[in-house]
Protein backbone atom coordinates (compact mmCIF):
# COMPACT_ATOMS: atom_id res chain seq x y z
CA MET A 1 -20.18 -13.56 11.89
CA GLY A 2 -23.12 -11.28 12.44
CA SER A 3 -22.45 -8.97 9.52
CA TRP A 4 -21.14 -11.63 7.23
CA ALA A 5 -23.29 -14.67 6.67
CA SER A 6 -25.15 -15.37 9.89
CA GLU A 7 -27.09 -13.24 12.34
CA GLY A 8 -25.94 -15.35 15.29
CA ALA A 9 -22.52 -16.31 16.55
CA VAL A 10 -21.31 -19.80 15.73
CA SER A 11 -18.69 -22.00 17.30
CA PRO A 12 -15.67 -23.03 15.22
CA MET A 13 -15.51 -26.59 13.99
CA PRO A 14 -12.64 -28.57 15.54
CA ILE A 15 -9.81 -28.99 13.07
CA ASP A 16 -10.06 -32.44 11.54
CA SER A 17 -6.73 -34.04 10.67
CA GLN A 18 -8.52 -36.32 8.20
CA ARG A 19 -9.26 -33.31 5.98
CA TRP A 20 -5.61 -32.24 5.95
CA ARG A 21 -4.26 -35.71 5.18
CA PRO A 22 -4.82 -35.62 1.35
CA HIS A 23 -3.00 -32.28 1.11
CA LEU A 24 -0.14 -32.85 3.53
CA ALA A 25 2.44 -34.18 1.05
CA ALA A 26 1.87 -31.34 -1.42
CA LEU A 27 1.99 -28.72 1.32
CA LEU A 28 5.24 -30.00 2.80
CA GLN A 29 6.86 -29.84 -0.64
CA GLU A 30 6.45 -26.05 -0.48
CA ALA A 31 9.64 -24.47 0.85
CA SER A 32 7.66 -21.50 2.16
CA ILE A 33 5.45 -23.82 4.26
CA ARG A 34 8.46 -25.64 5.70
CA SER A 35 10.07 -22.32 6.56
CA ALA A 36 6.91 -20.94 8.18
CA LEU A 37 6.45 -24.09 10.29
CA GLY A 38 9.98 -24.10 11.63
CA ARG A 39 12.12 -27.17 12.26
CA GLN A 40 10.47 -28.34 15.46
CA THR A 41 6.88 -28.15 14.20
CA LEU A 42 7.90 -29.58 10.83
CA ARG A 43 9.39 -32.65 12.56
CA ARG A 44 6.16 -33.11 14.53
CA VAL A 45 4.08 -32.91 11.34
CA GLN A 46 6.33 -35.35 9.51
CA ALA A 47 6.39 -37.72 12.48
CA ALA A 48 2.59 -37.81 12.64
CA GLY A 49 2.41 -38.63 8.93
CA THR A 50 -0.98 -40.04 8.05
CA SER A 51 -1.93 -40.67 11.68
CA SER A 52 -3.88 -38.19 13.75
CA MET A 53 -1.93 -34.99 14.45
CA PRO A 54 -2.34 -33.05 17.71
CA GLY A 55 -4.70 -30.08 17.46
CA GLU A 56 -2.00 -27.53 18.20
CA VAL A 57 0.11 -28.90 15.32
CA LEU A 58 -2.83 -28.63 12.95
CA ASP A 59 -3.38 -25.04 14.14
CA GLU A 60 0.23 -24.20 13.28
CA LEU A 61 -0.08 -25.87 9.88
CA ARG A 62 -3.22 -23.87 9.10
CA ASP A 63 -1.56 -20.64 10.28
CA ALA A 64 1.43 -21.35 8.04
CA VAL A 65 -0.83 -21.84 5.01
CA LEU A 66 -2.65 -18.57 5.73
CA GLN A 67 0.69 -16.82 6.15
CA VAL A 68 2.39 -17.88 2.93
CA GLY A 69 -0.51 -18.85 0.65
CA ALA A 70 -1.75 -16.64 -2.17
CA GLU A 71 -4.88 -14.71 -1.23
CA VAL A 72 -7.45 -15.15 -4.00
CA LEU A 73 -10.49 -13.58 -2.33
CA ARG A 74 -11.09 -11.16 0.54
CA LEU A 75 -14.41 -9.88 1.88
CA GLU A 76 -14.40 -6.95 4.31
CA TRP A 77 -17.36 -5.24 5.96
CA ASP A 78 -18.09 -2.25 8.19
CA CYS A 79 -21.23 -1.54 10.16
CA GLU A 80 -22.39 0.16 13.35
CA SER A 81 -24.06 -2.93 14.78
CA PRO A 82 -22.48 -4.90 17.65
CA ALA A 83 -20.90 -7.16 15.03
CA GLY A 84 -18.74 -4.20 13.98
CA SER A 85 -16.20 -4.72 11.23
CA GLY A 86 -14.44 -7.81 10.01
CA TYR A 87 -13.08 -9.82 7.13
CA ALA A 88 -12.97 -13.25 5.55
CA ARG A 89 -10.15 -14.32 3.22
CA LEU A 90 -9.61 -17.35 1.01
CA VAL A 91 -6.01 -18.46 0.49
CA ARG A 92 -4.63 -20.99 -1.98
CA CYS A 93 -1.52 -23.01 -1.22
CA ALA A 94 -0.31 -26.10 -3.10
CA ASP A 95 -3.44 -28.11 -3.95
CA CYS A 96 -5.90 -26.72 -1.40
CA PHE A 97 -7.79 -23.62 -0.24
CA VAL A 98 -8.02 -22.44 3.39
CA LEU A 99 -10.34 -19.87 4.93
CA GLY A 100 -9.18 -17.21 7.36
CA ALA A 101 -11.56 -14.88 9.18
CA SER A 102 -11.76 -12.23 11.89
CA ASP A 103 -14.67 -14.11 13.52
CA ASP A 104 -15.39 -17.76 14.16
CA TRP A 105 -16.72 -19.79 11.27
CA PRO A 106 -17.70 -23.46 11.44
CA ASP A 107 -15.82 -24.62 8.34
CA LEU A 108 -12.34 -23.25 7.66
CA GLY A 109 -11.19 -26.00 5.31
CA PRO A 110 -8.93 -27.12 3.83
CA PHE A 111 -10.97 -27.38 0.65
CA SER A 112 -9.91 -29.48 -2.32
CA SER A 113 -11.32 -27.10 -4.93
CA LEU A 114 -12.39 -23.49 -5.36
CA ASP A 115 -15.97 -24.61 -5.89
CA GLU A 116 -15.98 -26.46 -2.57
CA ALA A 117 -14.48 -23.45 -0.80
CA LEU A 118 -17.08 -21.05 -2.19
CA ARG A 119 -19.87 -23.41 -1.10
CA CYS A 120 -18.81 -23.31 2.56
CA GLY A 121 -21.25 -20.44 3.16
CA ALA A 122 -18.71 -17.83 4.21
CA PHE A 123 -19.41 -15.72 1.13
CA ALA A 124 -23.15 -16.32 0.97
CA GLN A 125 -24.55 -13.01 2.22
CA CYS A 126 -23.38 -9.74 3.76
CA PHE A 127 -25.63 -7.95 6.25
CA ALA A 128 -23.39 -4.87 6.67
CA ASP A 129 -24.09 -1.54 5.00
CA LYS A 130 -20.53 -1.29 3.67
CA CYS A 131 -18.73 -4.24 2.13
CA ARG A 132 -15.70 -4.68 -0.11
CA ILE A 133 -14.35 -7.53 -2.22
CA THR A 134 -10.76 -7.88 -3.36
CA SER A 135 -10.43 -10.76 -5.78
CA THR A 136 -8.00 -12.31 -8.22
CA LEU A 137 -10.61 -14.82 -9.34
CA ASP A 138 -12.26 -14.84 -12.75
CA ALA A 139 -14.35 -11.70 -13.27
CA LYS A 140 -17.56 -13.71 -13.76
CA ILE A 141 -17.03 -15.60 -10.50
CA THR A 142 -16.24 -12.39 -8.64
CA MET A 143 -19.35 -10.66 -9.97
CA ALA A 144 -21.52 -13.67 -9.11
CA LEU A 145 -20.18 -13.57 -5.54
CA ALA A 146 -20.81 -9.83 -5.23
CA THR A 147 -24.36 -10.31 -6.49
CA GLN A 148 -24.97 -13.14 -4.06
CA LEU A 149 -23.57 -11.17 -1.11
CA THR A 150 -25.74 -8.09 -1.68
CA ARG A 151 -28.89 -9.40 -3.36
CA ASN A 152 -31.09 -9.42 -0.25
CA ARG A 153 -30.22 -5.97 1.09
CA ARG A 154 -29.30 -4.49 -2.30
CA GLN A 155 -26.50 -2.46 -0.76
CA ALA A 156 -23.61 -1.01 -2.72
CA ILE A 157 -20.32 -2.93 -2.80
CA SER A 158 -16.73 -2.16 -3.76
CA ILE A 159 -15.13 -4.71 -6.10
CA ASN A 160 -11.35 -4.33 -6.47
CA GLY A 161 -11.65 -0.65 -5.59
CA ARG A 162 -14.53 0.08 -7.96
CA ARG A 163 -17.95 0.90 -6.49
CA TRP A 164 -21.04 -0.95 -7.73
CA HIS A 165 -24.70 -0.41 -6.89
CA TRP A 166 -27.96 -2.14 -7.69
CA ALA A 167 -29.81 -0.90 -10.76
CA GLY A 168 -32.87 -2.97 -11.53
CA ASP A 169 -32.03 -6.64 -11.15
CA SER A 170 -28.25 -6.42 -11.40
CA LEU A 171 -25.18 -4.63 -10.11
CA ARG A 172 -23.91 -1.70 -12.13
CA ALA A 173 -20.63 0.19 -11.81
CA PHE A 174 -21.30 3.60 -10.34
CA ASP A 175 -18.76 5.37 -12.55
CA ALA A 176 -20.54 3.96 -15.62
CA ASP A 177 -23.42 6.28 -14.72
CA LEU A 178 -21.30 9.41 -14.40
CA PRO A 179 -21.62 12.02 -17.17
CA ASP A 180 -18.59 12.42 -19.37
CA ALA A 181 -18.17 15.98 -18.09
CA GLN A 182 -17.24 14.61 -14.65
CA ALA A 183 -14.30 12.56 -15.95
CA PRO A 184 -10.78 14.04 -15.94
CA ARG A 185 -10.45 16.47 -18.86
CA ALA A 186 -8.21 15.45 -21.75
CA ASN A 187 -6.49 18.00 -23.96
CA ALA A 188 -8.12 17.70 -27.38
CA THR A 189 -4.94 18.27 -29.39
CA GLN A 190 -2.50 16.17 -27.41
CA SER A 191 -4.74 13.65 -25.60
CA LEU A 192 -3.24 14.70 -22.28
CA THR A 193 -5.25 14.23 -19.11
CA GLU A 194 -4.64 17.21 -16.83
CA PHE A 195 -4.87 17.45 -13.06
CA ALA A 196 -4.76 20.49 -10.80
CA VAL A 197 -2.47 20.32 -7.76
CA ASP A 198 -3.34 22.30 -4.63
CA SER A 199 -0.87 23.56 -2.00
CA GLN A 200 -0.99 20.23 -0.14
CA GLY A 201 -0.49 18.13 -3.28
CA VAL A 202 -4.13 16.96 -3.47
CA LEU A 203 -5.17 16.27 -7.07
CA THR A 204 -8.42 17.17 -8.84
CA PRO A 205 -9.30 16.90 -12.56
CA LEU A 206 -8.49 20.21 -14.22
CA GLY A 207 -11.68 22.16 -14.90
CA PHE A 208 -13.79 19.88 -12.70
CA GLU A 209 -17.15 21.34 -11.75
CA ALA A 210 -18.79 19.96 -8.63
CA PRO A 211 -22.37 18.69 -8.89
CA THR A 212 -24.89 21.51 -8.46
CA THR A 213 -27.68 19.40 -6.95
CA ARG A 214 -27.95 16.81 -4.20
CA ALA A 215 -29.36 14.38 -6.77
CA ALA A 216 -26.06 14.47 -8.66
CA ALA A 217 -23.84 14.56 -5.58
CA PHE A 218 -25.61 11.74 -3.74
CA GLU A 219 -26.68 9.59 -6.70
CA SER A 220 -25.07 6.36 -5.54
CA ASP A 221 -26.40 6.75 -2.01
CA VAL A 222 -30.06 7.61 -2.61
CA TYR A 223 -30.85 6.07 -6.00
CA ASP A 224 -33.31 3.47 -4.58
CA TRP A 225 -35.26 5.49 -1.99
CA SER A 226 -38.57 6.14 -3.77
CA GLY A 227 -40.03 2.64 -4.05
CA SER A 228 -41.82 2.56 -0.70
CA PRO A 229 -41.71 3.96 2.86
CA LYS A 230 -39.66 0.91 3.85
CA ALA A 231 -37.09 1.55 1.09
CA LEU A 232 -36.89 5.21 2.13
CA ALA A 233 -36.30 4.23 5.77
CA GLU A 234 -33.51 1.81 4.78
CA VAL A 235 -31.71 4.43 2.69
CA ALA A 236 -32.08 7.07 5.42
CA GLU A 237 -30.63 4.66 7.97
CA ARG A 238 -27.36 4.43 6.04
CA PHE A 239 -27.27 8.00 4.67
CA PRO A 240 -27.36 10.75 7.37
CA PRO A 241 -28.32 13.77 5.16
CA LEU A 242 -31.54 12.03 4.12
CA GLU A 243 -32.20 11.06 7.73
CA TRP A 244 -31.77 14.72 8.74
CA LEU A 245 -34.34 15.73 6.13
CA LEU A 246 -36.82 13.10 7.34
CA ASN A 247 -36.37 14.32 10.92
CA ASP A 248 -37.31 17.82 9.73
CA LEU A 249 -40.33 16.50 7.80
CA TYR A 250 -41.42 14.51 10.87
CA GLN A 251 -41.14 17.60 13.06
CA GLU A 252 -43.03 19.63 10.45
CA ALA A 253 -45.87 17.06 10.39
CA ARG A 254 -46.03 17.04 14.19
CA ASP A 255 -46.13 20.84 14.34
CA GLN A 256 -48.96 20.87 11.79
CA LEU A 257 -50.83 18.37 13.94
CA LEU A 258 -50.43 20.60 16.99
CA GLU A 259 -51.71 23.59 14.99
CA SER A 260 -54.74 21.56 13.87
CA ILE A 261 -55.49 20.57 17.46
CA ALA A 262 -55.22 24.21 18.58
CA ALA A 263 -57.55 25.29 15.78
CA GLU A 264 -60.15 22.63 16.69
CA THR A 265 -60.19 23.66 20.33
CA LYS A 266 -61.29 27.16 19.26
CA ARG A 267 -64.30 25.84 17.38
CA PRO A 268 -67.74 25.75 18.99
CA ALA A 269 -68.33 22.53 20.89
CA SER A 270 -70.09 19.86 18.86
CA PRO A 271 -70.06 16.06 18.42
CA GLN A 272 -68.08 16.51 15.16
CA THR A 273 -65.51 18.75 16.85
CA SER A 274 -65.09 16.22 19.67
CA ARG A 275 -64.59 13.35 17.23
CA THR A 276 -62.06 15.38 15.22
CA LEU A 277 -60.13 16.32 18.38
CA ARG A 278 -60.01 12.72 19.58
CA GLU A 279 -58.65 11.58 16.21
CA LEU A 280 -56.02 14.34 16.13
CA GLU A 281 -54.94 13.66 19.71
CA LYS A 282 -54.68 9.95 18.89
CA GLN A 283 -52.36 10.79 15.97
CA LEU A 284 -50.30 13.09 18.23
CA ALA A 285 -49.94 10.36 20.85
CA ALA A 286 -48.37 8.15 18.17
CA MET A 287 -45.76 10.83 17.39
CA PRO A 288 -43.18 11.24 20.20
CA GLU A 289 -41.59 14.66 20.43
CA GLU A 290 -38.15 13.33 19.49
CA PRO A 291 -37.94 12.32 15.78
CA CYS A 292 -35.48 9.53 16.56
CA GLU A 293 -38.19 7.85 18.63
CA GLY A 294 -41.13 8.33 16.30
CA LEU A 295 -39.75 8.53 12.75
CA PRO A 296 -39.63 4.78 11.88
CA ASP A 297 -43.26 4.15 12.91
CA TRP A 298 -44.43 7.38 11.27
CA LEU A 299 -42.90 6.34 7.96
CA GLN A 300 -44.49 2.91 8.11
CA ARG A 301 -47.92 4.50 8.70
CA GLN A 302 -47.71 6.40 5.41
CA ASP A 303 -50.03 4.77 2.90
CA SER A 304 -49.15 4.71 -0.79
CA THR A 305 -51.12 7.87 -1.58
CA GLN A 306 -49.60 9.90 1.26
CA PHE A 307 -46.13 8.65 0.38
CA GLN A 308 -46.34 9.46 -3.34
CA THR A 309 -48.24 12.78 -3.08
CA VAL A 310 -46.66 14.28 0.04
CA LEU A 311 -43.27 12.80 0.94
CA VAL A 312 -41.90 11.99 -2.52
CA PRO A 313 -42.39 15.53 -3.95
CA LYS A 314 -40.74 17.07 -0.89
CA ILE A 315 -37.74 14.78 -1.15
CA HIS A 316 -37.44 15.46 -4.89
CA ALA A 317 -37.44 19.20 -4.13
CA TRP A 318 -34.68 18.66 -1.56
CA LEU A 319 -32.61 16.63 -4.05
CA ALA A 320 -32.93 19.39 -6.64
CA GLN A 321 -31.16 21.87 -4.33
CA PRO A 322 -27.37 22.27 -3.96
CA PRO A 323 -25.66 20.33 -1.14
CA GLU A 324 -25.08 22.33 2.02
CA ALA A 325 -21.70 22.72 3.70
CA GLU A 326 -22.36 20.16 6.43
CA GLU A 327 -23.19 17.58 3.73
CA SER A 328 -19.88 17.94 1.91
CA GLU A 329 -18.34 14.85 3.53
CA PHE A 330 -21.11 12.65 2.13
CA GLY A 331 -21.73 11.42 -1.39
CA ASP A 332 -19.71 9.36 -3.83
CA GLY A 333 -18.01 11.19 -6.66
CA ALA A 334 -19.35 14.53 -5.45
CA SER A 335 -15.95 16.19 -5.51
CA GLY A 336 -12.99 16.56 -7.82
CA GLN A 337 -10.84 15.00 -5.10
CA GLU A 338 -12.92 11.82 -5.30
CA MET A 339 -12.76 11.76 -9.11
CA ALA A 340 -8.96 12.07 -9.12
CA LEU A 341 -8.71 9.33 -6.51
CA ARG A 342 -10.79 7.01 -8.68
CA TYR A 343 -8.73 7.77 -11.75
CA PHE A 344 -5.41 6.87 -10.14
CA ARG A 345 -6.78 4.03 -8.02
CA ASP A 346 -9.01 2.31 -10.58
CA ARG A 347 -8.46 3.51 -14.15
CA PHE A 348 -4.72 4.17 -14.31
CA ASP A 349 -3.62 0.54 -14.13
CA ARG A 350 -6.26 -0.57 -16.64
CA GLU A 351 -5.39 2.09 -19.21
CA LEU A 352 -1.66 2.72 -18.72
CA ALA A 353 -0.17 -0.59 -17.48
CA PRO A 354 2.62 -1.51 -16.90
CA ALA A 355 3.16 2.06 -15.65
CA SER A 356 1.91 2.86 -12.16
CA PRO A 357 0.95 6.13 -10.42
CA GLU A 358 4.12 5.92 -8.33
CA ASP A 359 6.16 6.25 -11.53
CA ILE A 360 5.06 9.90 -11.77
CA GLY A 361 5.07 10.64 -8.05
CA VAL A 362 1.37 10.07 -7.30
CA GLU A 363 0.36 8.34 -4.08
CA VAL A 364 -3.17 7.05 -3.46
CA VAL A 365 -4.12 7.54 0.19
CA GLU A 366 -7.18 5.79 1.61
CA GLY A 367 -7.03 6.64 5.30
CA PRO A 368 -3.64 7.92 6.55
CA HIS A 369 -4.04 5.93 9.79
CA PRO A 370 -6.40 3.27 11.21
CA GLY A 371 -9.92 4.59 11.72
CA SER A 372 -9.57 7.45 9.24
CA ASP A 373 -11.61 7.52 6.06
CA PHE A 374 -9.76 10.42 4.39
CA CYS A 375 -9.07 9.51 0.78
CA ALA A 376 -7.26 11.38 -1.98
CA ALA A 377 -4.60 11.11 -4.68
CA PHE A 378 -1.51 13.17 -3.77
CA LEU A 379 1.36 14.43 -5.89
CA ARG A 380 4.40 13.82 -3.68
CA ILE A 381 7.05 15.47 -5.87
CA PRO A 382 7.36 18.90 -7.54
CA ILE A 383 5.07 19.47 -10.51
CA GLU A 384 7.97 19.91 -12.93
CA LYS A 385 9.59 16.61 -11.93
CA ALA A 386 6.25 14.81 -12.22
CA ASN A 387 5.67 16.25 -15.69
CA ALA A 388 9.24 15.36 -16.69
CA ALA A 389 8.73 11.78 -15.52
CA ALA A 390 5.41 11.51 -17.36
CA SER A 391 7.01 12.85 -20.52
CA ALA A 392 10.01 10.53 -20.22
CA LEU A 393 7.78 7.49 -19.70
CA GLY A 394 5.28 8.43 -22.39
CA ILE A 395 2.42 8.73 -19.86
CA PRO A 396 -0.27 11.13 -21.22
CA ILE A 397 -0.82 12.96 -17.92
CA ARG A 398 0.27 16.45 -16.90
CA PHE A 399 -0.08 18.43 -13.69
CA ARG A 400 -0.72 22.14 -13.21
CA PRO A 401 -0.91 24.26 -10.07
CA GLU A 402 -4.40 25.02 -8.85
CA THR A 403 -5.13 28.63 -9.81
CA SER A 404 -6.77 29.51 -6.51
CA GLN A 405 -3.91 28.10 -4.42
CA PRO A 406 -0.14 28.69 -4.23
CA GLN A 407 1.89 26.24 -6.27
CA HIS A 408 2.90 22.94 -4.67
CA GLU A 409 4.97 23.67 -1.58
CA THR A 410 7.96 21.69 -2.77
CA PRO A 411 10.48 24.03 -4.49
CA SER A 412 10.06 24.01 -8.23
CA THR A 413 10.55 26.08 -11.32
CA PRO A 414 7.69 28.05 -12.93
CA SER A 415 5.22 25.94 -14.87
CA ALA A 416 3.86 26.61 -18.31
CA THR A 417 0.32 27.61 -19.09
CA SER A 418 -0.71 24.68 -21.27
CA PRO A 419 0.68 21.37 -22.53
CA ALA A 420 1.94 21.09 -26.10
CA ASP A 421 4.26 19.04 -28.32
CA SER A 422 7.53 20.22 -26.81
CA GLU A 423 8.55 19.71 -23.19
CA THR A 424 8.92 23.48 -22.74
CA ARG A 425 5.28 24.09 -23.77
CA ALA A 426 4.15 21.08 -21.70
CA GLY A 427 5.14 22.86 -18.50
CA LEU A 428 8.90 22.18 -18.51
CA ALA A 429 11.77 24.57 -18.87
CA PRO A 430 14.68 23.16 -20.93
CA ASP A 431 16.42 20.73 -18.57
CA PRO A 432 20.11 19.97 -19.24
CA ALA A 433 20.06 17.38 -16.43
CA LEU A 434 17.31 15.40 -18.18
CA ASP A 435 19.16 15.64 -21.51
CA TRP A 436 22.38 14.52 -19.82
CA LEU A 437 20.58 11.50 -18.30
CA ARG A 438 19.22 10.49 -21.71
CA LYS A 439 22.67 10.63 -23.28
CA THR A 440 24.36 8.83 -20.36
CA LEU A 441 21.83 5.99 -20.15
CA GLY A 442 21.08 5.74 -23.86
CA ARG A 443 17.34 5.67 -23.13
CA GLU A 444 14.60 7.56 -21.34
CA PRO A 445 15.38 7.73 -17.59
CA THR A 446 13.12 6.32 -14.91
CA LEU A 447 11.69 8.54 -12.20
CA ASP A 448 14.19 7.22 -9.63
CA GLU A 449 17.06 8.07 -11.97
CA TYR A 450 15.71 11.55 -12.56
CA LEU A 451 15.13 12.17 -8.85
CA ALA A 452 18.73 11.13 -8.16
CA LEU A 453 19.69 14.46 -9.67
CA GLU A 454 18.94 17.02 -6.97
CA HIS A 455 19.89 19.91 -9.26
CA ASN A 456 16.80 20.14 -11.50
CA GLY A 457 17.65 22.47 -14.36
CA ALA A 458 21.37 22.56 -13.57
CA SER A 459 24.03 22.56 -16.23
CA LEU A 460 26.25 19.51 -16.76
CA ASP A 461 29.19 21.22 -15.05
CA GLU A 462 27.09 21.84 -11.94
CA LEU A 463 26.14 18.19 -11.44
CA ASP A 464 28.03 17.14 -8.32
CA ALA A 465 29.91 13.88 -7.93
CA GLU A 466 27.28 12.34 -5.65
CA ALA A 467 24.52 12.84 -8.24
CA ARG A 468 26.71 11.36 -10.97
CA ALA A 469 27.52 8.36 -8.75
CA SER A 470 23.81 7.83 -7.98
CA VAL A 471 22.97 7.67 -11.66
CA GLU A 472 25.91 5.38 -12.39
CA ARG A 473 24.80 2.97 -9.67
CA LEU A 474 21.29 2.88 -11.09
CA ARG A 475 22.67 2.31 -14.59
CA LEU A 476 24.80 -0.62 -13.44
CA LYS A 477 21.83 -2.07 -11.53
CA ASP A 478 19.73 -1.96 -14.71
CA GLU A 479 22.47 -3.76 -16.64
């Protein structure tokens, strides 16, 4: 697993029936395992008992455990090296843990304890630039694993959807470093968090102001560049805008060298002029015309003084400027779209559980199809229905149309200008249908119950029989 824990490929260890023997009885007591194995394979497993089982039977047993077991840990990585992308997952079933992976690994278990499973080496180090952990393990164990995986390369890592980066000698949550002004804005009088909705339903924090400098926009990507030429090269390798800048600085240095050579050739001939020309031409020979060929060596030739007095000030000046249009796809937290995504993906469940974003019509999208990295939080229902659902469920979030865009394309009634105590001032016209639902159910309706009424804002007499039947079915289901 070249990007996981070893730079070279390894051959899988043959499955050893002796290791499965202590767990067999407990596993076969699990109805889900018996069902996944099927009758024929189950009979073969039971017939083998404590004797040696054929390899293909052990393969099926392991596959069944991976299929029905509870996943407690998953590591995923992405990189541009030949190793590409992959994953490793740890599953618990009955009294054992089993490892599943996209690549071969010499020890797949079963393991008798979590400690034994974590010592197998599969989660020892990650060589990829991008890695993610999804874990239901204790937070301290998860953080220790993340630290172990990234300590050598000090790359950023996502832990249960939250991005962490190295700060000093430890990992630190990136959003812990964000200024309060970049968080979604809460209404001071009603403690409502407001989001703007554009014409496609994409959400951004209301009043969000994008970072005005590259330093703010790219903080999590370039925070550790200034330690040495080697550190700068490593950051540039994983962050294209910085690499583009270094290509320009390389070309600038080469052009200056050419100008110096041209100036020396115009001087009167002398031993000093000859020595200077030879030195300059030697430097030029070490700088190929194409930056991609000469940049790495050029950076490594920078001594500490050159690096700190020439390169560092130029990069600081570049970071102090606003991001350019072609850089807009880079950065972490550089846009309101990213901030809204984080809120609904990471913070919502922590702060508003047991409610979920789906309860108010919000969908978190992280790549609409394989290979896509488009990410955003979308409002999938009309603004008025979302606000009604939030009000009914007591969720302190409201949505407003983005001022520079037409209102959400789904038909809706006009929204109010600001949230307040009453539903009318919170962006809702008086809604007889919502009132009727409350009276019929004897409680606040759920979003599904509200959406069953297609006639938003209709009077009781206008509610058709199908809508009434939908609500009645939902009410009986609840009972």
